[in-house]
Amino acid sequence: MILLSGFEPFDGDAANPSWGAVRVARDILRAEGLEVEAVELPCVFGESAQELRQQIARLQPDLVICAGLASGRERLSLERVAINCDDARIPDNAGKRPVDEEVVPGGPAAYFSTLPVKAALRALQIAGLRAEVSQTAGTYVCNHVFYALMHHLATEAPGTRGGFIHVPREPQEGIPGGMSLQDMGEGIAVVVLTALATAQDLKFSAGAVF
């Protein structure tokens, strides 16, 4: 079983492409004969993590990949690390705006993704999709969910692998850049298939200077 998640719209947007993208990925993967579920998480600190944990308990997945929007990026971002810090620049959809609070009180400072991010990057590049390994998932609800996911897997489901992907915005008329939902969904599906086929990640440079 594979569990995918995206987010509801936030900050006044009418839609969130992460939710559309995981539905595209779900349909692609189901066509490949895989058992896949997709869930939409609230863009709310606390509630989003709780909903994800409930879905994991219900479905008992072997692989969990969460997705969220990073509108300022132009590539699919394979997140390497989640940090134990909520520091919201804007309120969430419930009006919460935590500053310098721990996602999990007393938890480790950070968790690394257990996805083969380098192998997935190579597979995405071969597929002709713009992608990168990202060294930060931010400190908003995306990182909150990513950290909560990895903490839950480490403490409650150590046999399950998981990680997070940030997607760009959709193309907008008169504004260069963006990525179609179809390409985003195909990219997420590539990451899933790579994770299923890869026992040990590749080792090549995909770091950042800043």
N, C-alpha and C. Protein backbone atom coordinates (compact mmCIF):
# COMPACT_ATOMS: atom_id res chain seq x y z
N MET A 1 0.83 -1.20 0.00
CA MET A 1 0.00 0.00 0.00
C MET A 1 0.87 1.25 0.00
N ILE A 2 0.51 2.19 -0.85
CA ILE A 2 1.22 3.47 -0.95
C ILE A 2 0.24 4.57 -0.56
N LEU A 3 0.67 5.46 0.32
CA LEU A 3 -0.14 6.59 0.74
C LEU A 3 0.49 7.88 0.23
N LEU A 4 -0.29 8.68 -0.48
CA LEU A 4 0.13 9.99 -0.96
C LEU A 4 -0.74 11.05 -0.30
N SER A 5 -0.16 12.21 -0.02
CA SER A 5 -0.97 13.29 0.52
C SER A 5 -0.60 14.61 -0.15
N GLY A 6 -1.61 15.46 -0.27
CA GLY A 6 -1.43 16.84 -0.70
C GLY A 6 -2.18 17.73 0.28
N PHE A 7 -2.15 19.04 0.02
CA PHE A 7 -2.77 19.99 0.93
C PHE A 7 -3.97 20.70 0.29
N GLU A 8 -4.86 21.15 1.15
CA GLU A 8 -5.93 22.04 0.73
C GLU A 8 -5.33 23.41 0.39
N PRO A 9 -6.10 24.27 -0.31
CA PRO A 9 -5.59 25.62 -0.60
C PRO A 9 -5.33 26.41 0.68
N PHE A 10 -4.42 27.37 0.59
CA PHE A 10 -4.11 28.24 1.73
C PHE A 10 -3.73 29.62 1.23
N ASP A 11 -3.67 30.56 2.14
CA ASP A 11 -3.25 31.94 1.86
C ASP A 11 -4.11 32.58 0.76
N GLY A 12 -5.39 32.23 0.73
CA GLY A 12 -6.31 32.85 -0.22
C GLY A 12 -6.36 32.25 -1.60
N ASP A 13 -5.55 31.21 -1.88
CA ASP A 13 -5.56 30.59 -3.20
C ASP A 13 -6.82 29.75 -3.39
N ALA A 14 -7.24 29.62 -4.66
CA ALA A 14 -8.44 28.85 -4.97
C ALA A 14 -8.16 27.35 -5.01
N ALA A 15 -6.92 26.97 -5.26
CA ALA A 15 -6.56 25.56 -5.37
C ALA A 15 -5.12 25.39 -4.90
N ASN A 16 -4.78 24.15 -4.56
CA ASN A 16 -3.40 23.81 -4.19
C ASN A 16 -2.93 22.72 -5.14
N PRO A 17 -1.93 22.99 -5.97
CA PRO A 17 -1.51 22.00 -6.96
C PRO A 17 -0.96 20.72 -6.36
N SER A 18 -0.55 20.75 -5.10
CA SER A 18 -0.05 19.51 -4.50
C SER A 18 -1.15 18.45 -4.44
N TRP A 19 -2.38 18.87 -4.17
CA TRP A 19 -3.49 17.93 -4.11
C TRP A 19 -3.84 17.41 -5.51
N GLY A 20 -3.86 18.30 -6.47
CA GLY A 20 -4.11 17.85 -7.84
C GLY A 20 -3.02 16.91 -8.33
N ALA A 21 -1.78 17.20 -7.98
CA ALA A 21 -0.65 16.39 -8.44
C ALA A 21 -0.69 14.98 -7.86
N VAL A 22 -1.02 14.85 -6.56
CA VAL A 22 -1.03 13.51 -5.99
C VAL A 22 -2.19 12.69 -6.53
N ARG A 23 -3.27 13.33 -6.93
CA ARG A 23 -4.36 12.58 -7.55
C ARG A 23 -3.96 12.08 -8.93
N VAL A 24 -3.23 12.90 -9.67
CA VAL A 24 -2.70 12.44 -10.96
C VAL A 24 -1.76 11.26 -10.74
N ALA A 25 -0.86 11.39 -9.76
CA ALA A 25 0.08 10.30 -9.46
C ALA A 25 -0.66 9.04 -9.04
N ARG A 26 -1.67 9.19 -8.21
CA ARG A 26 -2.47 8.04 -7.77
C ARG A 26 -3.03 7.28 -8.97
N ASP A 27 -3.60 8.01 -9.91
CA ASP A 27 -4.22 7.37 -11.07
C ASP A 27 -3.18 6.68 -11.95
N ILE A 28 -2.02 7.32 -12.12
CA ILE A 28 -0.94 6.70 -12.90
C ILE A 28 -0.49 5.40 -12.25
N LEU A 29 -0.29 5.43 -10.94
CA LEU A 29 0.21 4.26 -10.23
C LEU A 29 -0.83 3.15 -10.17
N ARG A 30 -2.10 3.52 -10.02
CA ARG A 30 -3.15 2.49 -10.05
C ARG A 30 -3.21 1.81 -11.40
N ALA A 31 -2.97 2.57 -12.46
CA ALA A 31 -2.93 1.98 -13.80
C ALA A 31 -1.78 0.99 -13.95
N GLU A 32 -0.75 1.16 -13.11
CA GLU A 32 0.39 0.23 -13.09
C GLU A 32 0.10 -1.00 -12.22
N GLY A 33 -1.09 -1.04 -11.62
CA GLY A 33 -1.47 -2.18 -10.80
C GLY A 33 -1.13 -2.06 -9.33
N LEU A 34 -0.73 -0.86 -8.88
CA LEU A 34 -0.35 -0.66 -7.50
C LEU A 34 -1.55 -0.21 -6.66
N GLU A 35 -1.50 -0.54 -5.39
CA GLU A 35 -2.55 -0.13 -4.45
C GLU A 35 -2.14 1.21 -3.86
N VAL A 36 -2.91 2.26 -4.17
CA VAL A 36 -2.54 3.62 -3.80
C VAL A 36 -3.76 4.36 -3.28
N GLU A 37 -3.56 5.11 -2.20
CA GLU A 37 -4.58 6.02 -1.70
C GLU A 37 -3.99 7.43 -1.63
N ALA A 38 -4.85 8.43 -1.87
CA ALA A 38 -4.44 9.83 -1.78
C ALA A 38 -5.38 10.55 -0.83
N VAL A 39 -4.80 11.37 0.05
CA VAL A 39 -5.61 12.11 1.01
C VAL A 39 -5.22 13.59 0.95
N GLU A 40 -6.21 14.44 1.21
CA GLU A 40 -6.00 15.88 1.26
C GLU A 40 -5.90 16.30 2.72
N LEU A 41 -4.80 16.93 3.09
CA LEU A 41 -4.59 17.35 4.46
C LEU A 41 -4.98 18.82 4.65
N PRO A 42 -5.48 19.18 5.83
CA PRO A 42 -5.74 20.59 6.11
C PRO A 42 -4.43 21.34 6.26
N CYS A 43 -4.42 22.57 5.82
CA CYS A 43 -3.22 23.41 5.98
C CYS A 43 -3.28 24.08 7.35
N VAL A 44 -3.17 23.24 8.36
CA VAL A 44 -3.30 23.68 9.75
C VAL A 44 -2.27 22.94 10.59
N PHE A 45 -1.51 23.68 11.36
CA PHE A 45 -0.56 23.06 12.28
C PHE A 45 -1.31 22.13 13.23
N GLY A 46 -0.73 20.99 13.50
CA GLY A 46 -1.35 20.04 14.42
C GLY A 46 -2.37 19.16 13.75
N GLU A 47 -3.43 19.75 13.20
CA GLU A 47 -4.49 18.96 12.57
C GLU A 47 -3.97 18.18 11.37
N SER A 48 -3.08 18.78 10.59
CA SER A 48 -2.55 18.10 9.42
C SER A 48 -1.77 16.85 9.82
N ALA A 49 -0.93 16.97 10.83
CA ALA A 49 -0.14 15.83 11.29
C ALA A 49 -1.03 14.75 11.88
N GLN A 50 -2.04 15.17 12.64
CA GLN A 50 -2.96 14.20 13.23
C GLN A 50 -3.71 13.43 12.15
N GLU A 51 -4.19 14.13 11.13
CA GLU A 51 -4.91 13.46 10.04
C GLU A 51 -4.00 12.47 9.33
N LEU A 52 -2.75 12.86 9.09
CA LEU A 52 -1.82 11.96 8.41
C LEU A 52 -1.57 10.71 9.25
N ARG A 53 -1.36 10.88 10.54
CA ARG A 53 -1.13 9.72 11.41
C ARG A 53 -2.35 8.79 11.41
N GLN A 54 -3.53 9.36 11.40
CA GLN A 54 -4.74 8.54 11.36
C GLN A 54 -4.84 7.74 10.07
N GLN A 55 -4.48 8.36 8.96
CA GLN A 55 -4.52 7.65 7.68
C GLN A 55 -3.47 6.54 7.63
N ILE A 56 -2.31 6.79 8.21
CA ILE A 56 -1.27 5.76 8.26
C ILE A 56 -1.76 4.58 9.11
N ALA A 57 -2.39 4.87 10.25
CA ALA A 57 -2.91 3.80 11.09
C ALA A 57 -4.01 3.02 10.38
N ARG A 58 -4.82 3.69 9.60
CA ARG A 58 -5.92 3.03 8.89
C ARG A 58 -5.43 2.17 7.74
N LEU A 59 -4.45 2.68 6.98
CA LEU A 59 -4.04 2.02 5.74
C LEU A 59 -2.83 1.11 5.89
N GLN A 60 -2.03 1.34 6.92
CA GLN A 60 -0.80 0.56 7.12
C GLN A 60 0.06 0.52 5.85
N PRO A 61 0.42 1.68 5.31
CA PRO A 61 1.16 1.71 4.04
C PRO A 61 2.61 1.27 4.22
N ASP A 62 3.20 0.84 3.10
CA ASP A 62 4.63 0.52 3.06
C ASP A 62 5.46 1.74 2.69
N LEU A 63 4.82 2.72 2.06
CA LEU A 63 5.50 3.91 1.57
C LEU A 63 4.55 5.09 1.70
N VAL A 64 5.06 6.21 2.25
CA VAL A 64 4.26 7.43 2.40
C VAL A 64 5.03 8.59 1.79
N ILE A 65 4.40 9.27 0.84
CA ILE A 65 5.00 10.46 0.24
C ILE A 65 4.01 11.60 0.34
N CYS A 66 4.41 12.65 1.03
CA CYS A 66 3.58 13.84 1.16
C CYS A 66 4.07 14.91 0.18
N ALA A 67 3.16 15.72 -0.28
CA ALA A 67 3.50 16.80 -1.22
C ALA A 67 2.90 18.10 -0.74
N GLY A 68 3.59 19.19 -1.06
CA GLY A 68 3.11 20.52 -0.72
C GLY A 68 3.60 21.52 -1.74
N LEU A 69 3.04 22.71 -1.69
CA LEU A 69 3.35 23.76 -2.66
C LEU A 69 4.50 24.64 -2.18
N ALA A 70 5.46 24.86 -3.08
CA ALA A 70 6.51 25.87 -2.89
C ALA A 70 6.45 26.76 -4.13
N SER A 71 5.63 27.80 -4.06
CA SER A 71 5.29 28.57 -5.26
C SER A 71 6.47 29.31 -5.85
N GLY A 72 7.52 29.54 -5.07
CA GLY A 72 8.67 30.26 -5.59
C GLY A 72 9.69 29.38 -6.28
N ARG A 73 9.45 28.07 -6.31
CA ARG A 73 10.39 27.15 -6.93
C ARG A 73 9.91 26.76 -8.32
N GLU A 74 10.85 26.35 -9.15
CA GLU A 74 10.53 26.00 -10.53
C GLU A 74 10.71 24.52 -10.81
N ARG A 75 11.08 23.75 -9.79
CA ARG A 75 11.36 22.33 -9.97
C ARG A 75 10.64 21.51 -8.90
N LEU A 76 10.49 20.24 -9.16
CA LEU A 76 10.06 19.32 -8.12
C LEU A 76 11.21 19.21 -7.11
N SER A 77 10.94 19.49 -5.87
CA SER A 77 11.98 19.51 -4.84
C SER A 77 11.85 18.27 -3.96
N LEU A 78 12.85 17.41 -4.04
CA LEU A 78 12.90 16.23 -3.19
C LEU A 78 13.54 16.64 -1.87
N GLU A 79 12.73 16.73 -0.85
CA GLU A 79 13.22 17.26 0.42
C GLU A 79 14.10 16.24 1.14
N ARG A 80 15.27 16.70 1.57
CA ARG A 80 16.22 15.81 2.24
C ARG A 80 15.98 15.73 3.74
N VAL A 81 15.59 16.85 4.38
CA VAL A 81 15.58 16.88 5.84
C VAL A 81 14.40 17.69 6.38
N ALA A 82 13.81 17.19 7.45
CA ALA A 82 12.74 17.89 8.17
C ALA A 82 13.28 18.32 9.52
N ILE A 83 12.97 19.54 9.95
CA ILE A 83 13.48 20.04 11.23
C ILE A 83 12.35 20.21 12.24
N ASN A 84 12.71 20.09 13.52
CA ASN A 84 11.72 20.15 14.60
C ASN A 84 11.45 21.60 15.00
N CYS A 85 10.89 22.34 14.03
CA CYS A 85 10.65 23.76 14.27
C CYS A 85 9.46 24.25 13.45
N ASP A 86 8.50 24.83 14.14
CA ASP A 86 7.40 25.56 13.50
C ASP A 86 7.69 27.05 13.67
N ASP A 87 7.78 27.77 12.55
CA ASP A 87 8.04 29.22 12.61
C ASP A 87 7.29 29.83 11.43
N ALA A 88 6.04 30.20 11.65
CA ALA A 88 5.13 30.56 10.56
C ALA A 88 5.25 32.03 10.17
N ARG A 89 5.51 32.27 8.90
CA ARG A 89 5.54 33.65 8.38
C ARG A 89 4.13 34.19 8.23
N ILE A 90 3.17 33.31 7.91
CA ILE A 90 1.77 33.70 7.76
C ILE A 90 0.93 32.73 8.58
N PRO A 91 -0.29 33.13 8.99
CA PRO A 91 -1.15 32.20 9.72
C PRO A 91 -1.57 31.03 8.84
N ASP A 92 -1.87 29.90 9.47
CA ASP A 92 -2.43 28.76 8.73
C ASP A 92 -3.92 28.98 8.53
N ASN A 93 -4.61 27.99 8.02
CA ASN A 93 -6.03 28.16 7.69
C ASN A 93 -6.93 28.24 8.92
N ALA A 94 -6.37 27.97 10.10
CA ALA A 94 -7.14 28.13 11.33
C ALA A 94 -6.70 29.37 12.10
N GLY A 95 -5.85 30.17 11.48
CA GLY A 95 -5.39 31.39 12.13
C GLY A 95 -4.21 31.18 13.08
N LYS A 96 -3.67 29.96 13.13
CA LYS A 96 -2.53 29.69 14.01
C LYS A 96 -1.24 30.20 13.37
N ARG A 97 -0.38 30.75 14.20
CA ARG A 97 0.91 31.25 13.70
C ARG A 97 2.00 30.98 14.74
N PRO A 98 2.38 29.71 14.91
CA PRO A 98 3.41 29.38 15.90
C PRO A 98 4.75 29.98 15.51
N VAL A 99 5.51 30.40 16.50
CA VAL A 99 6.84 30.96 16.28
C VAL A 99 7.83 30.22 17.19
N ASP A 100 8.83 29.63 16.56
CA ASP A 100 9.90 28.94 17.29
C ASP A 100 9.36 27.89 18.26
N GLU A 101 8.38 27.11 17.79
CA GLU A 101 7.84 26.01 18.58
C GLU A 101 8.27 24.68 17.98
N GLU A 102 8.41 23.67 18.80
CA GLU A 102 8.79 22.35 18.32
C GLU A 102 7.58 21.64 17.71
N VAL A 103 7.80 20.93 16.63
CA VAL A 103 6.74 20.10 16.05
C VAL A 103 6.38 19.00 17.03
N VAL A 104 7.40 18.33 17.54
CA VAL A 104 7.25 17.29 18.56
C VAL A 104 8.09 17.69 19.75
N PRO A 105 7.47 18.12 20.85
CA PRO A 105 8.25 18.54 22.01
C PRO A 105 9.24 17.46 22.47
N GLY A 106 10.50 17.84 22.56
CA GLY A 106 11.53 16.91 22.99
C GLY A 106 12.02 15.97 21.92
N GLY A 107 11.50 16.09 20.69
CA GLY A 107 11.92 15.21 19.60
C GLY A 107 13.30 15.58 19.09
N PRO A 108 13.88 14.72 18.24
CA PRO A 108 15.18 15.03 17.65
C PRO A 108 15.15 16.34 16.87
N ALA A 109 16.30 16.96 16.71
CA ALA A 109 16.36 18.23 15.98
C ALA A 109 15.90 18.07 14.54
N ALA A 110 16.16 16.91 13.95
CA ALA A 110 15.83 16.73 12.53
C ALA A 110 15.71 15.25 12.20
N TYR A 111 15.05 14.98 11.09
CA TYR A 111 14.99 13.65 10.49
C TYR A 111 15.32 13.76 9.02
N PHE A 112 16.03 12.77 8.50
CA PHE A 112 16.26 12.70 7.06
C PHE A 112 15.15 11.89 6.40
N SER A 113 14.83 12.24 5.18
CA SER A 113 13.93 11.43 4.36
C SER A 113 14.49 10.02 4.25
N THR A 114 13.61 9.04 4.20
CA THR A 114 14.05 7.67 3.95
C THR A 114 13.76 7.24 2.51
N LEU A 115 13.45 8.21 1.66
CA LEU A 115 13.34 7.96 0.22
C LEU A 115 14.74 7.98 -0.40
N PRO A 116 14.94 7.27 -1.50
CA PRO A 116 16.21 7.35 -2.22
C PRO A 116 16.24 8.63 -3.08
N VAL A 117 16.52 9.76 -2.45
CA VAL A 117 16.34 11.05 -3.13
C VAL A 117 17.28 11.22 -4.32
N LYS A 118 18.49 10.69 -4.24
CA LYS A 118 19.42 10.83 -5.36
C LYS A 118 18.98 9.95 -6.55
N ALA A 119 18.59 8.73 -6.27
CA ALA A 119 18.11 7.86 -7.34
C ALA A 119 16.84 8.43 -7.96
N ALA A 120 15.97 9.01 -7.13
CA ALA A 120 14.75 9.63 -7.65
C ALA A 120 15.07 10.83 -8.51
N LEU A 121 16.05 11.63 -8.08
CA LEU A 121 16.47 12.78 -8.89
C LEU A 121 16.96 12.32 -10.26
N ARG A 122 17.79 11.30 -10.28
CA ARG A 122 18.29 10.79 -11.56
C ARG A 122 17.15 10.30 -12.44
N ALA A 123 16.20 9.58 -11.84
CA ALA A 123 15.06 9.06 -12.61
C ALA A 123 14.21 10.20 -13.17
N LEU A 124 14.01 11.24 -12.40
CA LEU A 124 13.24 12.40 -12.87
C LEU A 124 13.96 13.10 -14.01
N GLN A 125 15.26 13.24 -13.90
CA GLN A 125 16.04 13.87 -14.97
C GLN A 125 15.95 13.04 -16.25
N ILE A 126 16.04 11.74 -16.13
CA ILE A 126 15.92 10.86 -17.30
C ILE A 126 14.54 11.00 -17.94
N ALA A 127 13.53 11.20 -17.09
CA ALA A 127 12.16 11.36 -17.59
C ALA A 127 11.91 12.75 -18.18
N GLY A 128 12.91 13.63 -18.10
CA GLY A 128 12.78 14.97 -18.67
C GLY A 128 12.00 15.93 -17.80
N LEU A 129 11.95 15.66 -16.50
CA LEU A 129 11.20 16.51 -15.56
C LEU A 129 12.16 17.32 -14.71
N ARG A 130 11.88 18.60 -14.55
CA ARG A 130 12.75 19.46 -13.75
C ARG A 130 12.67 19.06 -12.27
N ALA A 131 13.83 18.84 -11.66
CA ALA A 131 13.84 18.36 -10.29
C ALA A 131 15.14 18.75 -9.61
N GLU A 132 15.12 18.69 -8.28
CA GLU A 132 16.30 19.01 -7.47
C GLU A 132 16.17 18.32 -6.13
N VAL A 133 17.31 18.16 -5.46
CA VAL A 133 17.30 17.78 -4.05
C VAL A 133 17.32 19.08 -3.26
N SER A 134 16.36 19.24 -2.37
CA SER A 134 16.26 20.46 -1.56
C SER A 134 16.77 20.20 -0.15
N GLN A 135 17.47 21.19 0.38
CA GLN A 135 18.05 21.05 1.72
C GLN A 135 17.16 21.65 2.81
N THR A 136 16.04 22.25 2.43
CA THR A 136 15.12 22.81 3.43
C THR A 136 13.68 22.72 2.96
N ALA A 137 12.83 22.25 3.86
CA ALA A 137 11.39 22.20 3.59
C ALA A 137 10.67 23.38 4.21
N GLY A 138 11.44 24.40 4.64
CA GLY A 138 10.84 25.56 5.27
C GLY A 138 10.50 25.31 6.72
N THR A 139 9.65 26.18 7.27
CA THR A 139 9.22 26.03 8.67
C THR A 139 7.71 26.22 8.80
N TYR A 140 7.00 26.03 7.68
CA TYR A 140 5.54 26.20 7.69
C TYR A 140 4.89 24.81 7.80
N VAL A 141 3.67 24.66 7.36
CA VAL A 141 2.92 23.42 7.57
C VAL A 141 3.53 22.25 6.79
N CYS A 142 4.18 22.52 5.66
CA CYS A 142 4.82 21.44 4.91
C CYS A 142 5.90 20.76 5.75
N ASN A 143 6.80 21.54 6.32
CA ASN A 143 7.83 20.96 7.17
C ASN A 143 7.22 20.32 8.41
N HIS A 144 6.17 20.93 8.94
CA HIS A 144 5.46 20.37 10.10
C HIS A 144 4.99 18.95 9.81
N VAL A 145 4.36 18.75 8.66
CA VAL A 145 3.87 17.43 8.28
C VAL A 145 5.03 16.48 7.99
N PHE A 146 6.05 16.97 7.30
CA PHE A 146 7.22 16.15 6.98
C PHE A 146 7.88 15.65 8.26
N TYR A 147 8.11 16.54 9.22
CA TYR A 147 8.74 16.12 10.47
C TYR A 147 7.84 15.15 11.24
N ALA A 148 6.56 15.48 11.33
CA ALA A 148 5.62 14.61 12.05
C ALA A 148 5.57 13.22 11.40
N LEU A 149 5.60 13.18 10.08
CA LEU A 149 5.62 11.91 9.36
C LEU A 149 6.85 11.09 9.75
N MET A 150 8.02 11.71 9.64
CA MET A 150 9.25 10.96 9.88
C MET A 150 9.37 10.54 11.35
N HIS A 151 8.89 11.38 12.26
CA HIS A 151 8.90 11.00 13.68
C HIS A 151 7.97 9.82 13.91
N HIS A 152 6.79 9.85 13.32
CA HIS A 152 5.85 8.75 13.47
C HIS A 152 6.42 7.46 12.91
N LEU A 153 7.02 7.53 11.73
CA LEU A 153 7.58 6.32 11.14
C LEU A 153 8.74 5.78 11.98
N ALA A 154 9.57 6.68 12.50
CA ALA A 154 10.72 6.25 13.29
C ALA A 154 10.30 5.60 14.60
N THR A 155 9.20 6.07 15.17
CA THR A 155 8.81 5.60 16.50
C THR A 155 7.69 4.57 16.49
N GLU A 156 6.85 4.60 15.44
CA GLU A 156 5.68 3.72 15.42
C GLU A 156 5.65 2.75 14.25
N ALA A 157 6.36 3.05 13.18
CA ALA A 157 6.30 2.19 11.99
C ALA A 157 7.66 2.18 11.29
N PRO A 158 8.69 1.64 11.97
CA PRO A 158 10.04 1.72 11.42
C PRO A 158 10.25 0.98 10.11
N GLY A 159 9.36 0.11 9.73
CA GLY A 159 9.49 -0.59 8.46
C GLY A 159 8.94 0.17 7.28
N THR A 160 8.32 1.31 7.53
CA THR A 160 7.71 2.11 6.47
C THR A 160 8.63 3.26 6.09
N ARG A 161 8.80 3.47 4.78
CA ARG A 161 9.62 4.58 4.32
C ARG A 161 8.75 5.78 3.98
N GLY A 162 9.34 6.97 4.07
CA GLY A 162 8.56 8.16 3.78
C GLY A 162 9.42 9.35 3.43
N GLY A 163 8.76 10.37 2.91
CA GLY A 163 9.45 11.60 2.55
C GLY A 163 8.48 12.64 2.04
N PHE A 164 9.04 13.73 1.57
CA PHE A 164 8.24 14.89 1.17
C PHE A 164 8.76 15.47 -0.14
N ILE A 165 7.82 15.91 -0.99
CA ILE A 165 8.14 16.55 -2.26
C ILE A 165 7.42 17.90 -2.32
N HIS A 166 8.14 18.96 -2.60
CA HIS A 166 7.51 20.25 -2.88
C HIS A 166 7.30 20.37 -4.39
N VAL A 167 6.12 20.84 -4.76
CA VAL A 167 5.81 21.06 -6.18
C VAL A 167 5.78 22.56 -6.46
N PRO A 168 6.07 22.96 -7.71
CA PRO A 168 5.96 24.39 -8.06
C PRO A 168 4.50 24.79 -8.25
N ARG A 169 4.30 26.04 -8.54
CA ARG A 169 2.96 26.51 -8.90
C ARG A 169 2.63 26.04 -10.31
N GLU A 170 1.35 26.11 -10.67
CA GLU A 170 0.94 25.83 -12.04
C GLU A 170 1.26 27.03 -12.93
N PRO A 171 1.37 26.82 -14.25
CA PRO A 171 1.63 27.95 -15.15
C PRO A 171 0.53 28.99 -15.07
N GLN A 172 0.91 30.25 -15.15
CA GLN A 172 -0.05 31.35 -15.13
C GLN A 172 0.17 32.22 -16.36
N GLU A 173 -0.92 32.67 -16.95
CA GLU A 173 -0.83 33.49 -18.16
C GLU A 173 -0.04 34.77 -17.89
N GLY A 174 0.92 35.02 -18.73
CA GLY A 174 1.72 36.23 -18.62
C GLY A 174 2.86 36.15 -17.63
N ILE A 175 2.98 34.99 -16.94
CA ILE A 175 4.06 34.81 -15.96
C ILE A 175 4.87 33.59 -16.38
N PRO A 176 6.16 33.75 -16.62
CA PRO A 176 6.97 32.60 -17.04
C PRO A 176 7.12 31.57 -15.92
N GLY A 177 7.39 30.35 -16.31
CA GLY A 177 7.63 29.28 -15.34
C GLY A 177 6.37 28.53 -14.97
N GLY A 178 6.47 27.76 -13.91
CA GLY A 178 5.37 26.91 -13.50
C GLY A 178 5.49 25.52 -14.10
N MET A 179 4.66 24.63 -13.63
CA MET A 179 4.67 23.24 -14.10
C MET A 179 3.24 22.72 -14.14
N SER A 180 2.93 21.95 -15.14
CA SER A 180 1.57 21.42 -15.26
C SER A 180 1.31 20.36 -14.20
N LEU A 181 0.03 20.21 -13.83
CA LEU A 181 -0.34 19.16 -12.88
C LEU A 181 0.05 17.79 -13.40
N GLN A 182 -0.07 17.60 -14.71
CA GLN A 182 0.29 16.31 -15.28
C GLN A 182 1.76 15.99 -15.05
N ASP A 183 2.63 16.97 -15.30
CA ASP A 183 4.05 16.76 -15.08
C ASP A 183 4.37 16.54 -13.61
N MET A 184 3.71 17.32 -12.74
CA MET A 184 3.92 17.12 -11.31
C MET A 184 3.53 15.70 -10.90
N GLY A 185 2.34 15.28 -11.35
CA GLY A 185 1.87 13.94 -10.99
C GLY A 185 2.75 12.85 -11.54
N GLU A 186 3.21 13.02 -12.78
CA GLU A 186 4.12 12.04 -13.36
C GLU A 186 5.41 11.98 -12.55
N GLY A 187 5.86 13.15 -12.10
CA GLY A 187 7.08 13.19 -11.29
C GLY A 187 6.92 12.46 -9.97
N ILE A 188 5.82 12.68 -9.29
CA ILE A 188 5.57 11.98 -8.03
C ILE A 188 5.50 10.48 -8.27
N ALA A 189 4.86 10.08 -9.36
CA ALA A 189 4.79 8.65 -9.69
C ALA A 189 6.18 8.08 -9.94
N VAL A 190 7.04 8.83 -10.60
CA VAL A 190 8.42 8.38 -10.83
C VAL A 190 9.13 8.17 -9.49
N VAL A 191 8.93 9.08 -8.56
CA VAL A 191 9.57 8.95 -7.25
C VAL A 191 9.07 7.69 -6.54
N VAL A 192 7.78 7.45 -6.60
CA VAL A 192 7.22 6.25 -5.97
C VAL A 192 7.83 4.99 -6.58
N LEU A 193 7.83 4.91 -7.90
CA LEU A 193 8.37 3.72 -8.57
C LEU A 193 9.85 3.54 -8.29
N THR A 194 10.58 4.64 -8.22
CA THR A 194 12.00 4.55 -7.91
C THR A 194 12.21 4.05 -6.49
N ALA A 195 11.41 4.55 -5.56
CA ALA A 195 11.53 4.11 -4.18
C ALA A 195 11.24 2.61 -4.05
N LEU A 196 10.24 2.14 -4.77
CA LEU A 196 9.90 0.73 -4.70
C LEU A 196 10.99 -0.16 -5.29
N ALA A 197 11.74 0.38 -6.25
CA ALA A 197 12.75 -0.42 -6.95
C ALA A 197 14.17 -0.24 -6.41
N THR A 198 14.35 0.66 -5.44
CA THR A 198 15.70 1.02 -5.00
C THR A 198 15.90 0.67 -3.53
N ALA A 199 16.80 -0.27 -3.27
CA ALA A 199 17.12 -0.65 -1.90
C ALA A 199 18.18 0.26 -1.30
N GLN A 200 19.12 0.71 -2.11
CA GLN A 200 20.19 1.58 -1.64
C GLN A 200 20.31 2.77 -2.58
N ASP A 201 20.35 3.97 -2.03
CA ASP A 201 20.37 5.18 -2.84
C ASP A 201 21.68 5.32 -3.60
N LEU A 202 21.62 6.07 -4.69
CA LEU A 202 22.83 6.41 -5.43
C LEU A 202 23.63 7.45 -4.66
N LYS A 203 24.88 7.60 -5.02
CA LYS A 203 25.73 8.59 -4.37
C LYS A 203 26.39 9.46 -5.44
N PHE A 204 25.89 10.69 -5.57
CA PHE A 204 26.49 11.68 -6.46
C PHE A 204 26.11 13.05 -5.92
N SER A 205 26.81 14.06 -6.38
CA SER A 205 26.63 15.39 -5.82
C SER A 205 25.29 16.00 -6.26
N ALA A 206 24.51 16.43 -5.27
CA ALA A 206 23.28 17.18 -5.54
C ALA A 206 23.04 18.15 -4.40
N GLY A 207 24.12 18.64 -3.83
CA GLY A 207 24.04 19.52 -2.68
C GLY A 207 23.87 20.98 -3.10
N ALA A 208 24.07 21.86 -2.14
CA ALA A 208 23.88 23.29 -2.38
C ALA A 208 24.94 24.07 -1.64
N VAL A 209 25.36 25.18 -2.23
CA VAL A 209 26.32 26.07 -1.59
C VAL A 209 25.61 26.99 -0.59
N PHE A 210 24.35 27.36 -0.92
CA PHE A 210 23.58 28.24 -0.04
C PHE A 210 22.12 27.86 -0.11
